[in-house]
Amino acid sequence: MYQPFDLTNRTAIVTGGNGGIGLGMARALLASGAAVAIWGSNPVKTKTAHEQLADECGDKARIHSFVCDVGDEGQVEASFDASVKALGGRIDACFANAGVSSKGTMLVDMTLEEFRRVQRVNVEGVFLTFRAAARHMMSHGQGGSLVATASTAAVEGAARNSHYGASKGAVTAYVRALAVELARHKIRVNSILPGWIVTDMTERSVGNSKFADAVLPRIPARRWGSIDDFGGIAVYLASEASSYATGEQFLIDGGYTKF
């Protein structure tokens, strides 16, 4: 029987797994049988997500959580080591999903501090997370899957959000480079590019009637995305079904970038 999406006895880390797209990913991974460690920078939000996921999957032993600022090298290393221990000594998939957005700012008004704030989490956070995961996967010799959450801002002009667009474009380029570099170690590396998804990060925009009137007609699916729209791609990329897929950009945007 063909069961490539059965993640029983597989493990995964999801950074930013305490809300938004990361929570949707963690939920689906758990539902498919995986053991999961979520990371979040907000202790209260992370604890709440942990309890929610434990209730949903009905198996508290398969969900773990850690408070981690992915832009801090020491915290990433410590959280990764703790996750490995909690998940039985092996990480099969690592989703570098944690990210920050920003208020719209014109280039001429942007400070270097603001530009660096976004790069610190969105670019350096992916670097630190993937470096820890790659070292672990290479040492075990069994390969694995690395997945970064980018954005359609990586492929479209993000006016007044150039620093955010730059960070997500960097992530997609980084993923392509790692896909080539790590393939010989049986490690595949891919990125996911979400469109307009209803999350805490976007609620201000999607809840604005003027914004909705301008953007929704440009989405062929005629709806905003939900966090559960990312469960399927997460399970696919964590499973053997994606064993020959690497270096790819998976657009999950309701057709937004095609119209």
Protein backbone atom coordinates (compact mmCIF):
# COMPACT_ATOMS: atom_id res chain seq x y z
CA MET A 1 0.00 0.00 0.00
CA TYR A 2 1.31 3.44 -0.95
CA GLN A 3 1.65 5.44 2.27
CA PRO A 4 4.36 8.06 1.70
CA PHE A 5 2.57 10.65 3.82
CA ASP A 6 2.61 8.53 6.96
CA LEU A 7 5.06 10.32 9.26
CA THR A 8 4.95 7.80 12.08
CA ASN A 9 8.36 7.64 13.80
CA ARG A 10 9.53 10.79 11.98
CA THR A 11 10.47 14.01 13.71
CA ALA A 12 10.35 17.70 12.83
CA ILE A 13 11.23 21.13 14.18
CA VAL A 14 9.04 24.10 13.26
CA THR A 15 10.39 27.53 14.18
CA GLY A 16 7.67 30.09 14.66
CA GLY A 17 5.43 27.11 15.29
CA ASN A 18 3.48 28.87 18.02
CA GLY A 19 1.19 30.71 15.60
CA GLY A 20 0.27 31.49 12.01
CA ILE A 21 1.62 29.33 9.20
CA GLY A 22 4.00 27.49 11.55
CA LEU A 23 1.11 26.40 13.75
CA GLY A 24 -0.74 25.11 10.68
CA MET A 25 2.34 23.14 9.66
CA ALA A 26 2.87 21.67 13.13
CA ARG A 27 -0.80 20.68 13.34
CA ALA A 28 -0.63 18.73 10.06
CA LEU A 29 2.69 17.09 10.87
CA LEU A 30 1.31 15.84 14.17
CA ALA A 31 -1.90 14.64 12.51
CA SER A 32 0.25 12.60 10.10
CA GLY A 33 2.05 10.87 12.96
CA ALA A 34 5.23 12.90 13.40
CA ALA A 35 6.73 14.03 16.69
CA VAL A 36 7.22 17.80 16.60
CA ALA A 37 9.15 20.49 18.45
CA ILE A 38 7.85 24.03 18.00
CA TRP A 39 9.95 27.10 18.71
CA GLY A 40 8.65 30.56 19.53
CA SER A 41 10.08 33.75 20.96
CA ASN A 42 7.01 34.55 23.06
CA PRO A 43 6.82 32.25 26.12
CA VAL A 44 3.09 32.66 26.74
CA LYS A 45 2.13 32.21 23.09
CA THR A 46 4.42 29.18 22.81
CA LYS A 47 2.93 27.53 25.89
CA THR A 48 -0.60 28.14 24.61
CA ALA A 49 0.25 26.64 21.21
CA HIS A 50 1.86 23.62 22.88
CA GLU A 51 -1.27 22.94 24.91
CA GLN A 52 -3.52 23.43 21.88
CA LEU A 53 -1.51 21.02 19.74
CA ALA A 54 -1.32 18.45 22.52
CA ASP A 55 -5.11 18.52 22.86
CA GLU A 56 -5.63 18.26 19.11
CA CYS A 57 -3.29 15.33 18.51
CA GLY A 58 -4.22 13.53 21.72
CA ASP A 59 -0.62 12.50 22.40
CA LYS A 60 1.33 14.87 24.64
CA ALA A 61 4.47 12.79 24.17
CA ARG A 62 4.75 13.83 20.50
CA ILE A 63 4.71 17.62 20.97
CA HIS A 64 7.48 19.69 22.54
CA SER A 65 8.09 23.42 22.70
CA PHE A 66 11.04 25.72 23.27
CA VAL A 67 11.38 29.46 23.68
CA CYS A 68 13.91 30.68 21.15
CA ASP A 69 14.90 33.89 19.39
CA VAL A 70 16.17 32.52 16.08
CA GLY A 71 18.34 35.58 15.54
CA ASP A 72 20.43 34.64 18.58
CA GLU A 73 23.13 32.06 17.82
CA GLY A 74 23.37 30.74 21.38
CA GLN A 75 19.62 30.28 21.71
CA VAL A 76 19.37 28.46 18.38
CA GLU A 77 22.16 26.05 19.29
CA ALA A 78 20.67 25.38 22.73
CA SER A 79 17.13 24.94 21.41
CA PHE A 80 18.29 22.63 18.66
CA ASP A 81 20.20 20.42 21.09
CA ALA A 82 17.20 20.34 23.43
CA SER A 83 14.91 19.46 20.52
CA VAL A 84 17.15 16.60 19.42
CA LYS A 85 17.08 15.20 22.93
CA ALA A 86 13.30 15.59 23.26
CA LEU A 87 12.69 13.97 19.87
CA GLY A 88 14.73 10.88 20.58
CA GLY A 89 18.08 11.83 19.08
CA ARG A 90 17.13 12.49 15.45
CA ILE A 91 15.64 15.34 13.40
CA ASP A 92 14.20 14.34 10.02
CA ALA A 93 12.78 17.70 8.94
CA CYS A 94 13.42 21.28 9.94
CA PHE A 95 11.07 24.11 8.99
CA ALA A 96 12.70 27.54 9.32
CA ASN A 97 9.43 29.43 9.46
CA ALA A 98 10.00 32.14 12.08
CA GLY A 99 9.95 35.63 10.64
CA VAL A 100 9.09 39.26 11.26
CA SER A 101 7.26 41.78 9.13
CA SER A 102 7.35 45.55 9.25
CA LYS A 103 5.27 48.66 8.84
CA GLY A 104 5.41 50.05 5.34
CA THR A 105 8.43 52.33 5.08
CA MET A 106 9.78 54.21 2.10
CA LEU A 107 13.43 53.53 1.28
CA VAL A 108 14.36 57.18 1.82
CA ASP A 109 12.87 57.08 5.32
CA MET A 110 14.25 53.69 6.36
CA THR A 111 16.91 53.46 9.03
CA LEU A 112 19.77 51.00 8.95
CA GLU A 113 18.54 49.71 12.31
CA GLU A 114 15.12 48.84 10.83
CA PHE A 115 16.68 47.16 7.80
CA ARG A 116 18.93 45.05 10.01
CA ARG A 117 16.07 44.14 12.38
CA VAL A 118 14.28 42.34 9.56
CA GLN A 119 17.40 40.64 8.17
CA ARG A 120 18.41 39.44 11.65
CA VAL A 121 15.37 37.19 11.98
CA ASN A 122 14.34 36.52 8.38
CA VAL A 123 17.81 35.80 6.98
CA GLU A 124 20.20 35.16 9.84
CA GLY A 125 17.54 33.14 11.66
CA VAL A 126 17.23 30.79 8.69
CA PHE A 127 21.03 30.54 8.43
CA LEU A 128 21.47 29.65 12.10
CA THR A 129 18.58 27.17 12.11
CA PHE A 130 19.64 25.43 8.91
CA ARG A 131 23.29 25.30 9.95
CA ALA A 132 22.39 23.47 13.16
CA ALA A 133 20.05 21.12 11.30
CA ALA A 134 22.52 20.38 8.48
CA ARG A 135 25.31 19.59 10.93
CA HIS A 136 23.01 17.17 12.74
CA MET A 137 21.73 15.51 9.57
CA MET A 138 25.21 15.13 8.10
CA SER A 139 26.54 13.57 11.29
CA HIS A 140 23.75 10.97 11.23
CA GLY A 141 24.19 10.27 7.54
CA GLN A 142 20.49 9.63 6.94
CA GLY A 143 19.67 12.87 5.17
CA GLY A 144 16.60 14.97 5.83
CA SER A 145 14.49 17.87 4.70
CA LEU A 146 15.11 21.58 5.26
CA VAL A 147 12.26 23.97 4.46
CA ALA A 148 12.28 27.76 4.66
CA THR A 149 9.20 29.96 4.64
CA ALA A 150 9.83 32.85 2.26
CA SER A 151 7.07 35.00 0.68
CA THR A 152 5.67 36.11 -2.64
CA ALA A 153 7.53 39.33 -1.78
CA ALA A 154 10.62 37.41 -2.90
CA VAL A 155 9.39 37.40 -6.50
CA GLU A 156 7.25 40.53 -6.67
CA GLY A 157 8.01 44.18 -6.00
CA ALA A 158 7.28 44.80 -2.31
CA ALA A 159 6.82 48.58 -2.36
CA ARG A 160 7.39 50.21 1.04
CA ASN A 161 8.57 46.79 2.20
CA SER A 162 11.89 46.58 0.39
CA HIS A 163 13.75 45.28 3.44
CA TYR A 164 11.18 42.50 3.87
CA GLY A 165 11.31 41.64 0.17
CA ALA A 166 15.11 41.64 0.30
CA SER A 167 15.07 39.22 3.23
CA LYS A 168 12.73 36.78 1.53
CA GLY A 169 14.57 36.99 -1.79
CA ALA A 170 17.75 36.17 0.09
CA VAL A 171 16.09 33.12 1.62
CA THR A 172 15.09 31.70 -1.77
CA ALA A 173 18.62 32.21 -3.13
CA TYR A 174 20.07 30.63 -0.01
CA VAL A 175 17.78 27.62 -0.39
CA ARG A 176 18.85 27.04 -3.99
CA ALA A 177 22.52 27.16 -3.01
CA LEU A 178 22.04 24.73 -0.13
CA ALA A 179 20.01 22.37 -2.30
CA VAL A 180 23.03 21.93 -4.57
CA GLU A 181 25.55 21.85 -1.74
CA LEU A 182 23.74 19.36 0.49
CA ALA A 183 22.22 16.98 -2.07
CA ARG A 184 25.18 14.61 -1.81
CA HIS A 185 24.35 14.24 1.88
CA LYS A 186 20.75 13.22 1.07
CA ILE A 187 19.50 16.53 2.42
CA ARG A 188 16.90 18.29 0.31
CA VAL A 189 16.22 22.01 0.72
CA ASN A 190 13.11 23.85 -0.45
CA SER A 191 11.23 27.06 0.17
CA ILE A 192 7.54 27.89 0.54
CA LEU A 193 6.25 31.24 -0.72
CA PRO A 194 2.94 32.18 0.93
CA GLY A 195 0.66 34.80 -0.56
CA TRP A 196 -1.90 36.72 1.49
CA ILE A 197 -2.62 34.51 4.48
CA VAL A 198 -4.76 35.39 7.51
CA THR A 199 -2.37 35.42 10.48
CA ASP A 200 -1.59 37.70 13.41
CA MET A 201 1.05 39.28 11.20
CA THR A 202 -1.38 40.18 8.41
CA GLU A 203 -4.68 40.71 10.25
CA ARG A 204 -4.32 44.48 10.09
CA SER A 205 -4.01 44.42 6.31
CA VAL A 206 -6.60 41.78 5.44
CA GLY A 207 -9.03 43.34 7.90
CA ASN A 208 -8.81 46.70 6.14
CA SER A 209 -11.74 47.06 3.72
CA LYS A 210 -9.83 49.35 1.36
CA PHE A 211 -6.95 46.87 1.20
CA ALA A 212 -9.30 43.91 0.75
CA ASP A 213 -11.18 45.64 -2.06
CA ALA A 214 -7.90 46.23 -3.88
CA VAL A 215 -6.24 42.85 -3.31
CA LEU A 216 -8.95 40.17 -3.22
CA PRO A 217 -9.95 40.73 -6.87
CA ARG A 218 -6.31 40.00 -7.78
CA ILE A 219 -6.47 36.56 -6.14
CA PRO A 220 -7.98 34.02 -8.57
CA ALA A 221 -9.12 31.83 -5.66
CA ARG A 222 -11.08 34.87 -4.37
CA ARG A 223 -10.22 34.29 -0.75
CA TRP A 224 -7.44 34.85 1.73
CA GLY A 225 -5.28 31.86 2.56
CA SER A 226 -5.53 30.14 5.95
CA ILE A 227 -2.81 28.59 8.08
CA ASP A 228 -4.23 25.14 7.37
CA ASP A 229 -3.53 25.64 3.65
CA PHE A 230 0.11 24.90 4.57
CA GLY A 231 -0.46 21.55 6.24
CA GLY A 232 -0.32 19.58 3.01
CA ILE A 233 2.92 21.08 1.73
CA ALA A 234 4.53 20.61 5.15
CA VAL A 235 3.63 16.92 5.25
CA TYR A 236 4.73 16.46 1.64
CA LEU A 237 8.14 18.04 2.23
CA ALA A 238 8.67 16.08 5.45
CA SER A 239 7.77 12.79 3.76
CA GLU A 240 9.37 10.37 1.35
CA ALA A 241 6.98 11.62 -1.33
CA SER A 242 9.31 14.60 -1.83
CA SER A 243 12.55 12.62 -1.82
CA TYR A 244 13.51 13.87 -5.31
CA ALA A 245 12.32 17.47 -4.90
CA THR A 246 15.00 19.97 -3.93
CA GLY A 247 15.85 23.59 -4.62
CA GLU A 248 12.21 24.40 -5.42
CA GLN A 249 9.97 27.35 -4.60
CA PHE A 250 6.46 26.20 -3.70
CA LEU A 251 3.99 29.04 -4.22
CA ILE A 252 0.91 28.81 -2.00
CA ASP A 253 -0.97 31.95 -2.97
CA GLY A 254 -4.33 31.11 -4.54
CA GLY A 255 -2.91 32.06 -7.92
CA TYR A 256 -2.02 35.63 -6.84
CA THR A 257 1.36 35.74 -8.60
CA LYS A 258 -0.09 34.34 -11.82
CA PHE A 259 -2.77 36.99 -12.34
